[in-house]
N, C-alpha and C. Protein backbone atom coordinates (compact mmCIF):
# COMPACT_ATOMS: atom_id res chain seq x y z
N UNK A 1 0.62 2.86 -8.50
CA UNK A 1 0.60 1.61 -9.24
C UNK A 1 1.26 1.83 -10.60
N UNK A 2 2.18 0.95 -10.92
CA UNK A 2 2.84 1.02 -12.22
C UNK A 2 2.30 -0.08 -13.12
N UNK A 3 1.87 0.30 -14.31
CA UNK A 3 1.25 -0.64 -15.23
C UNK A 3 2.05 -0.73 -16.52
N UNK A 4 2.33 -1.98 -16.92
CA UNK A 4 2.91 -2.23 -18.25
C UNK A 4 1.76 -2.62 -19.16
N UNK A 5 1.46 -1.77 -20.14
CA UNK A 5 0.42 -2.05 -21.11
C UNK A 5 1.04 -2.71 -22.33
N UNK A 6 0.40 -3.77 -22.82
CA UNK A 6 0.92 -4.49 -23.97
C UNK A 6 -0.17 -4.63 -25.02
N UNK A 7 0.10 -4.09 -26.20
CA UNK A 7 -0.77 -4.28 -27.36
C UNK A 7 -0.15 -5.40 -28.16
N UNK A 8 -0.62 -6.65 -27.96
CA UNK A 8 0.10 -7.81 -28.51
C UNK A 8 0.02 -7.91 -30.02
N UNK A 9 1.10 -8.39 -30.59
CA UNK A 9 1.17 -8.61 -32.03
C UNK A 9 2.50 -9.21 -32.38
N UNK A 10 2.58 -9.82 -33.55
CA UNK A 10 3.85 -10.41 -33.97
C UNK A 10 4.67 -9.44 -34.81
N UNK A 11 4.04 -8.77 -35.76
CA UNK A 11 4.77 -7.81 -36.59
C UNK A 11 5.15 -6.59 -35.76
N UNK A 12 4.20 -6.10 -34.95
CA UNK A 12 4.44 -4.98 -34.04
C UNK A 12 3.74 -5.28 -32.72
N UNK A 13 4.49 -5.22 -31.63
CA UNK A 13 3.93 -5.42 -30.29
C UNK A 13 4.22 -4.15 -29.48
N UNK A 14 3.16 -3.43 -29.14
CA UNK A 14 3.34 -2.17 -28.41
C UNK A 14 3.55 -2.40 -26.92
N UNK A 15 4.49 -1.65 -26.35
CA UNK A 15 4.77 -1.70 -24.91
C UNK A 15 4.72 -0.28 -24.35
N UNK A 16 3.98 -0.10 -23.28
CA UNK A 16 3.89 1.24 -22.67
C UNK A 16 3.80 1.13 -21.16
N UNK A 17 4.53 1.96 -20.46
CA UNK A 17 4.52 1.96 -18.99
C UNK A 17 4.01 3.29 -18.48
N UNK A 18 3.06 3.20 -17.54
CA UNK A 18 2.43 4.39 -16.96
C UNK A 18 2.33 4.20 -15.45
N UNK A 19 2.55 5.28 -14.72
CA UNK A 19 2.31 5.28 -13.27
C UNK A 19 0.96 5.92 -13.00
N UNK A 20 0.16 5.27 -12.18
CA UNK A 20 -1.14 5.82 -11.81
C UNK A 20 -1.13 6.29 -10.38
N UNK A 21 -1.77 7.45 -10.12
CA UNK A 21 -1.87 7.98 -8.76
C UNK A 21 -2.79 7.11 -7.92
N UNK A 22 -2.59 7.13 -6.61
CA UNK A 22 -3.39 6.31 -5.70
C UNK A 22 -4.86 6.70 -5.75
N UNK A 23 -5.67 5.86 -6.36
CA UNK A 23 -7.12 6.06 -6.37
C UNK A 23 -7.61 7.19 -7.25
N UNK A 24 -6.69 7.96 -7.84
CA UNK A 24 -7.12 9.09 -8.65
C UNK A 24 -6.97 8.83 -10.13
N UNK A 25 -7.26 9.86 -10.93
CA UNK A 25 -7.16 9.71 -12.38
C UNK A 25 -5.84 10.25 -12.93
N UNK A 26 -4.95 10.62 -12.04
CA UNK A 26 -3.66 11.15 -12.49
C UNK A 26 -2.78 10.02 -13.02
N UNK A 27 -2.25 10.20 -14.20
CA UNK A 27 -1.35 9.21 -14.81
C UNK A 27 -0.08 9.91 -15.30
N UNK A 28 1.02 9.17 -15.22
CA UNK A 28 2.31 9.75 -15.61
C UNK A 28 3.04 8.81 -16.56
N UNK A 29 3.53 9.37 -17.65
CA UNK A 29 4.25 8.60 -18.66
C UNK A 29 5.61 8.16 -18.13
N UNK A 30 5.95 6.89 -18.40
CA UNK A 30 7.28 6.36 -18.04
C UNK A 30 8.06 5.97 -19.28
N UNK A 31 7.47 5.12 -20.14
CA UNK A 31 8.21 4.65 -21.32
C UNK A 31 7.25 4.07 -22.36
N UNK A 32 7.70 4.05 -23.61
CA UNK A 32 6.92 3.43 -24.68
C UNK A 32 7.87 2.94 -25.77
N UNK A 33 7.49 1.84 -26.41
CA UNK A 33 8.28 1.31 -27.51
C UNK A 33 7.44 0.28 -28.27
N UNK A 34 7.96 -0.16 -29.39
CA UNK A 34 7.30 -1.19 -30.18
C UNK A 34 8.33 -2.25 -30.55
N UNK A 35 8.00 -3.51 -30.27
CA UNK A 35 8.85 -4.62 -30.68
C UNK A 35 8.42 -5.03 -32.08
N UNK A 36 9.37 -5.08 -33.00
CA UNK A 36 9.07 -5.47 -34.38
C UNK A 36 9.76 -6.79 -34.71
N UNK A 37 9.04 -7.64 -35.44
CA UNK A 37 9.66 -8.88 -35.92
C UNK A 37 9.35 -9.02 -37.41
N UNK A 38 10.26 -9.67 -38.12
CA UNK A 38 10.10 -9.84 -39.58
C UNK A 38 9.03 -10.88 -39.88
N UNK A 39 8.16 -10.53 -40.82
CA UNK A 39 7.06 -11.42 -41.19
C UNK A 39 7.55 -12.74 -41.77
N UNK A 40 8.76 -12.74 -42.34
CA UNK A 40 9.25 -13.99 -42.96
C UNK A 40 10.08 -14.83 -41.99
N UNK A 41 10.23 -14.38 -40.73
CA UNK A 41 10.99 -15.16 -39.74
C UNK A 41 10.10 -16.29 -39.21
N UNK A 42 10.70 -17.38 -38.74
CA UNK A 42 9.91 -18.48 -38.17
C UNK A 42 9.10 -17.99 -36.95
N UNK A 43 7.93 -18.57 -36.79
CA UNK A 43 7.03 -18.17 -35.71
C UNK A 43 7.71 -18.22 -34.35
N UNK A 44 8.42 -19.32 -34.07
CA UNK A 44 9.07 -19.48 -32.77
C UNK A 44 10.08 -18.36 -32.52
N UNK A 45 10.80 -17.97 -33.57
CA UNK A 45 11.80 -16.90 -33.46
C UNK A 45 11.13 -15.57 -33.16
N UNK A 46 9.99 -15.32 -33.81
CA UNK A 46 9.26 -14.08 -33.59
C UNK A 46 8.72 -14.00 -32.16
N UNK A 47 8.14 -15.12 -31.70
CA UNK A 47 7.61 -15.15 -30.32
C UNK A 47 8.73 -14.97 -29.30
N UNK A 48 9.88 -15.56 -29.59
CA UNK A 48 11.03 -15.42 -28.70
C UNK A 48 11.48 -13.97 -28.61
N UNK A 49 11.49 -13.27 -29.75
CA UNK A 49 11.90 -11.86 -29.77
C UNK A 49 10.94 -11.00 -28.95
N UNK A 50 9.64 -11.24 -29.12
CA UNK A 50 8.64 -10.51 -28.34
C UNK A 50 8.82 -10.83 -26.86
N UNK A 51 8.96 -12.12 -26.54
CA UNK A 51 9.12 -12.53 -25.15
C UNK A 51 10.35 -11.95 -24.49
N UNK A 52 11.47 -11.95 -25.21
CA UNK A 52 12.72 -11.40 -24.65
C UNK A 52 12.55 -9.93 -24.28
N UNK A 53 11.89 -9.17 -25.16
CA UNK A 53 11.74 -7.74 -24.89
C UNK A 53 10.75 -7.49 -23.75
N UNK A 54 9.67 -8.25 -23.70
CA UNK A 54 8.71 -8.10 -22.60
C UNK A 54 9.38 -8.43 -21.28
N UNK A 55 10.17 -9.50 -21.27
CA UNK A 55 10.89 -9.89 -20.06
C UNK A 55 11.86 -8.79 -19.63
N UNK A 56 12.53 -8.19 -20.61
CA UNK A 56 13.47 -7.10 -20.30
C UNK A 56 12.74 -5.90 -19.71
N UNK A 57 11.56 -5.58 -20.26
CA UNK A 57 10.78 -4.45 -19.76
C UNK A 57 10.25 -4.71 -18.35
N UNK A 58 9.86 -5.93 -18.08
CA UNK A 58 9.39 -6.27 -16.73
C UNK A 58 10.53 -6.08 -15.73
N UNK A 59 11.73 -6.54 -16.08
CA UNK A 59 12.89 -6.39 -15.20
C UNK A 59 13.30 -4.93 -15.05
N UNK A 60 13.24 -4.18 -16.16
CA UNK A 60 13.68 -2.78 -16.16
C UNK A 60 12.72 -1.86 -15.43
N UNK A 61 11.42 -1.99 -15.74
CA UNK A 61 10.44 -1.03 -15.22
C UNK A 61 9.70 -1.51 -13.97
N UNK A 62 9.80 -2.78 -13.63
CA UNK A 62 9.19 -3.35 -12.43
C UNK A 62 7.73 -2.93 -12.25
N UNK A 63 6.88 -3.31 -13.20
CA UNK A 63 5.46 -2.95 -13.06
C UNK A 63 4.79 -3.75 -11.94
N UNK A 64 3.66 -3.23 -11.45
CA UNK A 64 2.86 -3.94 -10.45
C UNK A 64 1.86 -4.87 -11.11
N UNK A 65 1.54 -4.59 -12.36
CA UNK A 65 0.55 -5.37 -13.10
C UNK A 65 0.82 -5.22 -14.59
N UNK A 66 0.42 -6.22 -15.36
CA UNK A 66 0.55 -6.16 -16.82
C UNK A 66 -0.85 -6.16 -17.41
N UNK A 67 -1.16 -5.14 -18.20
CA UNK A 67 -2.47 -5.02 -18.85
C UNK A 67 -2.31 -5.37 -20.32
N UNK A 68 -3.10 -6.33 -20.78
CA UNK A 68 -2.98 -6.83 -22.15
C UNK A 68 -4.32 -6.68 -22.86
N UNK A 69 -4.26 -6.32 -24.14
CA UNK A 69 -5.51 -6.22 -24.90
C UNK A 69 -6.07 -7.62 -25.13
N UNK A 70 -7.36 -7.78 -24.81
CA UNK A 70 -8.03 -9.06 -25.02
C UNK A 70 -8.23 -9.27 -26.51
N UNK A 71 -7.84 -10.44 -26.98
CA UNK A 71 -7.89 -10.75 -28.41
C UNK A 71 -9.32 -11.12 -28.83
N UNK A 72 -9.78 -10.51 -29.90
CA UNK A 72 -11.07 -10.84 -30.47
C UNK A 72 -10.88 -11.40 -31.86
N UNK A 73 -11.78 -12.29 -32.28
CA UNK A 73 -11.66 -12.84 -33.62
C UNK A 73 -11.90 -11.74 -34.65
N UNK A 74 -11.11 -11.77 -35.66
CA UNK A 74 -11.23 -10.81 -36.74
C UNK A 74 -11.44 -11.59 -38.03
N UNK A 75 -11.56 -10.88 -39.13
CA UNK A 75 -11.73 -11.57 -40.41
C UNK A 75 -10.47 -12.33 -40.80
N UNK A 76 -9.32 -11.76 -40.46
CA UNK A 76 -8.06 -12.39 -40.82
C UNK A 76 -7.63 -13.34 -39.69
N UNK A 77 -7.91 -14.63 -39.85
CA UNK A 77 -7.62 -15.62 -38.81
C UNK A 77 -6.13 -15.70 -38.53
N UNK A 78 -5.32 -15.56 -39.57
CA UNK A 78 -3.86 -15.63 -39.39
C UNK A 78 -3.37 -14.52 -38.47
N UNK A 79 -3.91 -13.32 -38.65
CA UNK A 79 -3.52 -12.18 -37.81
C UNK A 79 -3.92 -12.41 -36.36
N UNK A 80 -5.16 -12.86 -36.15
CA UNK A 80 -5.65 -13.05 -34.79
C UNK A 80 -4.91 -14.18 -34.09
N UNK A 81 -4.48 -15.19 -34.83
CA UNK A 81 -3.70 -16.28 -34.25
C UNK A 81 -2.36 -15.76 -33.74
N UNK A 82 -1.69 -14.96 -34.55
CA UNK A 82 -0.41 -14.38 -34.13
C UNK A 82 -0.57 -13.49 -32.91
N UNK A 83 -1.65 -12.70 -32.90
CA UNK A 83 -1.92 -11.81 -31.76
C UNK A 83 -2.17 -12.63 -30.50
N UNK A 84 -2.96 -13.70 -30.62
CA UNK A 84 -3.26 -14.56 -29.48
C UNK A 84 -1.99 -15.24 -28.96
N UNK A 85 -1.12 -15.67 -29.89
CA UNK A 85 0.12 -16.32 -29.47
C UNK A 85 1.03 -15.34 -28.72
N UNK A 86 1.14 -14.13 -29.23
CA UNK A 86 1.95 -13.11 -28.55
C UNK A 86 1.35 -12.79 -27.19
N UNK A 87 0.03 -12.71 -27.11
CA UNK A 87 -0.67 -12.44 -25.86
C UNK A 87 -0.38 -13.52 -24.83
N UNK A 88 -0.37 -14.78 -25.28
CA UNK A 88 -0.07 -15.89 -24.39
C UNK A 88 1.34 -15.83 -23.84
N UNK A 89 2.30 -15.46 -24.69
CA UNK A 89 3.69 -15.32 -24.25
C UNK A 89 3.78 -14.23 -23.17
N UNK A 90 3.11 -13.12 -23.39
CA UNK A 90 3.14 -12.00 -22.42
C UNK A 90 2.55 -12.45 -21.08
N UNK A 91 1.39 -13.12 -21.13
CA UNK A 91 0.74 -13.58 -19.90
C UNK A 91 1.63 -14.57 -19.15
N UNK A 92 2.28 -15.46 -19.88
CA UNK A 92 3.18 -16.44 -19.26
C UNK A 92 4.34 -15.75 -18.55
N UNK A 93 4.97 -14.79 -19.22
CA UNK A 93 6.12 -14.10 -18.64
C UNK A 93 5.71 -13.27 -17.42
N UNK A 94 4.53 -12.65 -17.49
CA UNK A 94 4.05 -11.89 -16.33
C UNK A 94 3.81 -12.82 -15.15
N UNK A 95 3.16 -13.96 -15.40
CA UNK A 95 2.90 -14.93 -14.33
C UNK A 95 4.20 -15.45 -13.74
N UNK A 96 5.17 -15.71 -14.60
CA UNK A 96 6.47 -16.20 -14.13
C UNK A 96 7.15 -15.17 -13.23
N UNK A 97 6.91 -13.89 -13.51
CA UNK A 97 7.48 -12.81 -12.69
C UNK A 97 6.63 -12.52 -11.46
N UNK A 98 5.53 -13.28 -11.29
CA UNK A 98 4.66 -13.08 -10.12
C UNK A 98 3.74 -11.88 -10.24
N UNK A 99 3.50 -11.45 -11.48
CA UNK A 99 2.66 -10.26 -11.70
C UNK A 99 1.25 -10.66 -12.12
N UNK A 100 0.24 -9.94 -11.62
CA UNK A 100 -1.11 -10.19 -12.12
C UNK A 100 -1.24 -9.69 -13.55
N UNK A 101 -2.11 -10.35 -14.31
CA UNK A 101 -2.37 -9.97 -15.70
C UNK A 101 -3.83 -9.58 -15.81
N UNK A 102 -4.09 -8.40 -16.37
CA UNK A 102 -5.46 -7.94 -16.59
C UNK A 102 -5.69 -7.81 -18.08
N UNK A 103 -6.81 -8.35 -18.55
CA UNK A 103 -7.16 -8.27 -19.96
C UNK A 103 -8.29 -7.27 -20.14
N UNK A 104 -8.11 -6.34 -21.08
CA UNK A 104 -9.14 -5.33 -21.37
C UNK A 104 -9.49 -5.40 -22.85
N UNK A 105 -10.77 -5.28 -23.14
CA UNK A 105 -11.21 -5.31 -24.54
C UNK A 105 -10.87 -3.98 -25.20
N UNK A 106 -10.75 -3.96 -26.52
CA UNK A 106 -10.49 -2.69 -27.21
C UNK A 106 -11.54 -1.63 -26.91
N UNK A 107 -12.81 -2.02 -26.81
CA UNK A 107 -13.85 -1.02 -26.54
C UNK A 107 -13.75 -0.48 -25.12
N UNK A 108 -13.33 -1.31 -24.15
CA UNK A 108 -13.12 -0.84 -22.78
C UNK A 108 -12.01 0.21 -22.75
N UNK A 109 -10.94 -0.08 -23.47
CA UNK A 109 -9.80 0.85 -23.51
C UNK A 109 -10.21 2.17 -24.15
N UNK A 110 -10.88 2.08 -25.30
CA UNK A 110 -11.31 3.30 -26.01
C UNK A 110 -12.27 4.12 -25.15
N UNK A 111 -13.21 3.45 -24.50
CA UNK A 111 -14.19 4.16 -23.66
C UNK A 111 -13.50 4.83 -22.48
N UNK A 112 -12.53 4.13 -21.88
CA UNK A 112 -11.83 4.70 -20.72
C UNK A 112 -11.03 5.94 -21.11
N UNK A 113 -10.36 5.87 -22.25
CA UNK A 113 -9.45 6.95 -22.63
C UNK A 113 -10.15 8.10 -23.36
N UNK A 114 -11.12 7.77 -24.22
CA UNK A 114 -11.76 8.83 -25.02
C UNK A 114 -13.20 9.10 -24.63
N UNK A 115 -13.82 8.17 -23.90
CA UNK A 115 -15.23 8.32 -23.56
C UNK A 115 -16.14 7.67 -24.59
N UNK A 116 -15.56 7.13 -25.66
CA UNK A 116 -16.36 6.49 -26.72
C UNK A 116 -15.75 5.14 -27.06
N UNK A 117 -16.53 4.06 -26.91
CA UNK A 117 -16.04 2.71 -27.16
C UNK A 117 -15.72 2.41 -28.60
N UNK A 118 -16.18 3.29 -29.52
CA UNK A 118 -15.92 3.07 -30.95
C UNK A 118 -14.94 4.10 -31.51
N UNK A 119 -14.20 4.75 -30.65
CA UNK A 119 -13.25 5.77 -31.10
C UNK A 119 -12.22 5.18 -32.05
N UNK A 120 -11.74 6.00 -32.97
CA UNK A 120 -10.72 5.57 -33.92
C UNK A 120 -9.33 5.68 -33.31
N UNK A 121 -8.36 5.10 -34.00
CA UNK A 121 -6.98 5.09 -33.50
C UNK A 121 -6.42 6.50 -33.33
N UNK A 122 -6.80 7.41 -34.23
CA UNK A 122 -6.30 8.78 -34.12
C UNK A 122 -6.82 9.46 -32.86
N UNK A 123 -8.10 9.22 -32.53
CA UNK A 123 -8.68 9.79 -31.31
C UNK A 123 -7.97 9.25 -30.08
N UNK A 124 -7.72 7.93 -30.08
CA UNK A 124 -7.02 7.31 -28.94
C UNK A 124 -5.64 7.92 -28.78
N UNK A 125 -4.91 8.02 -29.88
CA UNK A 125 -3.55 8.58 -29.84
C UNK A 125 -3.57 10.03 -29.35
N UNK A 126 -4.55 10.81 -29.82
CA UNK A 126 -4.64 12.22 -29.41
C UNK A 126 -4.91 12.34 -27.91
N UNK A 127 -5.81 11.50 -27.38
CA UNK A 127 -6.14 11.56 -25.96
C UNK A 127 -4.98 11.07 -25.10
N UNK A 128 -4.29 10.02 -25.55
CA UNK A 128 -3.12 9.53 -24.82
C UNK A 128 -2.06 10.62 -24.73
N UNK A 129 -1.84 11.31 -25.85
CA UNK A 129 -0.88 12.41 -25.90
C UNK A 129 -1.25 13.50 -24.90
N UNK A 130 -2.53 13.85 -24.88
CA UNK A 130 -3.00 14.90 -23.99
C UNK A 130 -2.95 14.47 -22.52
N UNK A 131 -3.43 13.27 -22.23
CA UNK A 131 -3.48 12.80 -20.84
C UNK A 131 -2.10 12.66 -20.22
N UNK A 132 -1.13 12.26 -21.05
CA UNK A 132 0.23 12.05 -20.52
C UNK A 132 1.13 13.28 -20.71
N UNK A 133 0.59 14.33 -21.31
CA UNK A 133 1.37 15.55 -21.51
C UNK A 133 2.57 15.35 -22.43
N UNK A 134 2.39 14.54 -23.47
CA UNK A 134 3.50 14.28 -24.41
C UNK A 134 3.59 15.38 -25.46
N UNK A 135 4.79 15.58 -25.98
CA UNK A 135 5.00 16.61 -27.00
C UNK A 135 4.36 16.21 -28.32
N UNK A 136 4.32 14.92 -28.60
CA UNK A 136 3.70 14.44 -29.84
C UNK A 136 3.11 13.05 -29.62
N UNK A 137 2.22 12.67 -30.51
CA UNK A 137 1.55 11.37 -30.38
C UNK A 137 2.54 10.24 -30.59
N UNK A 138 2.48 9.20 -29.76
CA UNK A 138 3.37 8.04 -29.95
C UNK A 138 3.06 7.35 -31.28
N UNK A 139 4.10 6.97 -32.01
CA UNK A 139 3.94 6.28 -33.28
C UNK A 139 4.76 5.00 -33.25
N UNK A 140 4.29 3.95 -33.92
CA UNK A 140 3.02 3.81 -34.62
C UNK A 140 1.86 3.66 -33.63
N UNK A 141 0.68 3.36 -34.16
CA UNK A 141 -0.53 3.27 -33.35
C UNK A 141 -0.39 2.24 -32.22
N UNK A 142 0.40 1.18 -32.45
CA UNK A 142 0.59 0.14 -31.43
C UNK A 142 1.19 0.72 -30.15
N UNK A 143 2.06 1.73 -30.29
CA UNK A 143 2.67 2.37 -29.13
C UNK A 143 1.61 3.13 -28.34
N UNK A 144 0.79 3.92 -29.04
CA UNK A 144 -0.29 4.67 -28.37
C UNK A 144 -1.29 3.71 -27.73
N UNK A 145 -1.58 2.60 -28.40
CA UNK A 145 -2.52 1.62 -27.87
C UNK A 145 -2.00 0.99 -26.58
N UNK A 146 -0.70 0.73 -26.52
CA UNK A 146 -0.10 0.15 -25.31
C UNK A 146 -0.23 1.12 -24.14
N UNK A 147 0.02 2.40 -24.38
CA UNK A 147 -0.13 3.41 -23.32
C UNK A 147 -1.60 3.54 -22.92
N UNK A 148 -2.50 3.47 -23.91
CA UNK A 148 -3.94 3.54 -23.62
C UNK A 148 -4.37 2.38 -22.73
N UNK A 149 -3.83 1.19 -22.98
CA UNK A 149 -4.13 0.02 -22.13
C UNK A 149 -3.69 0.27 -20.70
N UNK A 150 -2.49 0.81 -20.55
CA UNK A 150 -1.97 1.09 -19.20
C UNK A 150 -2.84 2.12 -18.49
N UNK A 151 -3.23 3.18 -19.20
CA UNK A 151 -4.10 4.21 -18.61
C UNK A 151 -5.44 3.61 -18.22
N UNK A 152 -6.00 2.83 -19.14
CA UNK A 152 -7.29 2.17 -18.88
C UNK A 152 -7.23 1.36 -17.59
N UNK A 153 -6.16 0.59 -17.42
CA UNK A 153 -6.07 -0.23 -16.22
C UNK A 153 -5.92 0.63 -14.96
N UNK A 154 -5.14 1.68 -15.05
CA UNK A 154 -5.00 2.58 -13.89
C UNK A 154 -6.36 3.09 -13.42
N UNK A 155 -7.21 3.40 -14.37
CA UNK A 155 -8.52 3.96 -14.04
C UNK A 155 -9.55 2.91 -13.68
N UNK A 156 -9.46 1.73 -14.28
CA UNK A 156 -10.45 0.68 -14.03
C UNK A 156 -10.12 -0.18 -12.82
N UNK A 157 -8.84 -0.27 -12.45
CA UNK A 157 -8.43 -1.17 -11.38
C UNK A 157 -9.14 -0.91 -10.05
N UNK A 158 -9.27 0.35 -9.59
CA UNK A 158 -9.97 0.56 -8.32
C UNK A 158 -11.41 0.05 -8.36
N UNK A 159 -12.11 0.28 -9.47
CA UNK A 159 -13.48 -0.19 -9.61
C UNK A 159 -13.51 -1.72 -9.63
N UNK A 160 -12.58 -2.34 -10.37
CA UNK A 160 -12.54 -3.79 -10.44
C UNK A 160 -12.24 -4.40 -9.08
N UNK A 161 -11.35 -3.75 -8.32
CA UNK A 161 -11.05 -4.21 -6.96
C UNK A 161 -12.28 -4.14 -6.07
N UNK A 162 -13.00 -3.02 -6.15
CA UNK A 162 -14.22 -2.88 -5.33
C UNK A 162 -15.25 -3.94 -5.70
N UNK A 163 -15.38 -4.23 -7.00
CA UNK A 163 -16.33 -5.26 -7.44
C UNK A 163 -15.91 -6.64 -6.92
N UNK A 164 -14.61 -6.93 -6.96
CA UNK A 164 -14.12 -8.22 -6.47
C UNK A 164 -14.36 -8.35 -4.98
N UNK A 165 -14.13 -7.25 -4.23
CA UNK A 165 -14.38 -7.27 -2.78
C UNK A 165 -15.86 -7.46 -2.48
N UNK A 166 -16.71 -6.81 -3.27
CA UNK A 166 -18.16 -6.97 -3.08
C UNK A 166 -18.59 -8.41 -3.36
N UNK A 167 -18.01 -9.02 -4.39
CA UNK A 167 -18.33 -10.42 -4.70
C UNK A 167 -17.90 -11.34 -3.56
N UNK A 168 -16.70 -11.06 -3.00
CA UNK A 168 -16.20 -11.87 -1.88
C UNK A 168 -17.11 -11.73 -0.67
N UNK A 169 -17.52 -10.48 -0.37
CA UNK A 169 -18.42 -10.26 0.78
C UNK A 169 -19.74 -10.98 0.56
N UNK A 170 -20.26 -10.88 -0.66
CA UNK A 170 -21.53 -11.54 -0.99
C UNK A 170 -21.42 -13.05 -0.85
N UNK A 171 -20.32 -13.62 -1.33
CA UNK A 171 -20.10 -15.06 -1.23
C UNK A 171 -19.99 -15.49 0.23
N UNK A 172 -19.31 -14.68 1.05
CA UNK A 172 -19.16 -15.00 2.47
C UNK A 172 -20.50 -14.94 3.19
N UNK A 173 -21.30 -13.93 2.88
CA UNK A 173 -22.65 -13.83 3.48
C UNK A 173 -23.51 -15.03 3.06
N UNK A 174 -23.40 -15.42 1.81
CA UNK A 174 -24.16 -16.58 1.32
C UNK A 174 -23.72 -17.85 2.05
N UNK A 175 -22.40 -18.01 2.27
CA UNK A 175 -21.90 -19.19 2.99
C UNK A 175 -22.44 -19.22 4.42
N UNK A 176 -22.41 -18.06 5.08
CA UNK A 176 -22.92 -17.99 6.46
C UNK A 176 -24.41 -18.31 6.51
N UNK A 177 -25.14 -17.78 5.55
CA UNK A 177 -26.58 -18.01 5.50
C UNK A 177 -26.88 -19.50 5.31
N UNK A 178 -26.14 -20.14 4.38
CA UNK A 178 -26.35 -21.57 4.15
C UNK A 178 -26.00 -22.38 5.39
N UNK A 179 -24.93 -21.97 6.09
CA UNK A 179 -24.54 -22.68 7.32
C UNK A 179 -25.62 -22.55 8.39
N UNK A 180 -26.21 -21.33 8.52
CA UNK A 180 -27.28 -21.13 9.52
C UNK A 180 -28.49 -21.98 9.17
N UNK A 181 -28.85 -22.01 7.86
CA UNK A 181 -29.99 -22.82 7.42
C UNK A 181 -29.75 -24.30 7.70
N UNK A 182 -28.52 -24.75 7.40
CA UNK A 182 -28.19 -26.16 7.64
C UNK A 182 -28.25 -26.49 9.12
N UNK A 183 -27.75 -25.57 9.96
CA UNK A 183 -27.79 -25.79 11.42
C UNK A 183 -29.23 -25.83 11.92
N UNK A 184 -30.07 -24.91 11.42
CA UNK A 184 -31.48 -24.88 11.84
C UNK A 184 -32.20 -26.14 11.40
N UNK A 185 -31.87 -26.59 10.18
CA UNK A 185 -32.50 -27.81 9.66
C UNK A 185 -32.08 -29.02 10.48
N UNK A 186 -30.78 -29.09 10.85
CA UNK A 186 -30.28 -30.20 11.66
C UNK A 186 -30.93 -30.19 13.04
N UNK A 187 -31.07 -28.98 13.62
CA UNK A 187 -31.71 -28.87 14.94
C UNK A 187 -33.17 -29.30 14.86
N UNK A 188 -33.82 -28.93 13.78
CA UNK A 188 -35.22 -29.31 13.59
C UNK A 188 -35.36 -30.83 13.47
N UNK A 189 -34.44 -31.47 12.75
CA UNK A 189 -34.49 -32.92 12.61
C UNK A 189 -34.24 -33.62 13.94
N UNK A 190 -33.28 -33.06 14.72
CA UNK A 190 -33.01 -33.64 16.03
C UNK A 190 -34.22 -33.54 16.95
N UNK A 191 -34.87 -32.34 16.86
CA UNK A 191 -36.06 -32.13 17.67
C UNK A 191 -37.17 -33.10 17.30
N UNK A 192 -37.35 -33.29 15.98
CA UNK A 192 -38.39 -34.21 15.51
C UNK A 192 -38.09 -35.64 15.94
N UNK A 193 -36.81 -36.01 15.88
CA UNK A 193 -36.41 -37.37 16.28
C UNK A 193 -36.63 -37.55 17.77
N UNK A 194 -36.34 -36.49 18.55
CA UNK A 194 -36.57 -36.56 20.01
C UNK A 194 -38.02 -36.70 20.36
N UNK A 195 -38.89 -35.97 19.65
CA UNK A 195 -40.34 -36.04 19.90
C UNK A 195 -40.86 -37.44 19.56
N UNK A 196 -40.33 -38.00 18.49
CA UNK A 196 -40.81 -39.32 18.05
C UNK A 196 -40.40 -40.42 19.01
N UNK A 197 -39.37 -40.19 19.80
CA UNK A 197 -38.90 -41.23 20.71
C UNK A 197 -39.66 -41.27 22.02
N UNK A 198 -40.63 -40.35 22.25
CA UNK A 198 -41.35 -40.31 23.52
C UNK A 198 -42.46 -41.34 23.56
């Protein structure tokens, strides 16, 4: 499975591609970069620049899925708005390319990569470097975060798939059970109506 991890942002948007082994924890580095836009450029222009590069990466690396950091409200509303807008552009482009989009919270990513949901950026970068066998930590932090998102998805996807399959099985069993109850109830009503007609 090839995953494009995206750490969304307007000033810096991290992009990282990782290949995950079938069902295992083995991950392999493919590419990493950061899209930068000028803070004084119009919003539409900045979103277009991010979108163009994400679209290029999807075409170039042909991922199976796009993993995006889930946006949480922060103290700086302006920052979180820009992050959410960039995230929306990424999700739209992935959907247009027919790719599933998975959203992971920062604590999920940190816990998956470092074992601690409150790990700092330096810890995340150090573990990403070690896990992917890189010569040095990806810079800036947005690049390491994008790779961490991709790794997180590689490791969480099998569990998420099993949970989705279990939910589907449970829903199917519930549907069958309701159908049996409805049939028994209908048969009981028919029987009662038949008895009353004697």
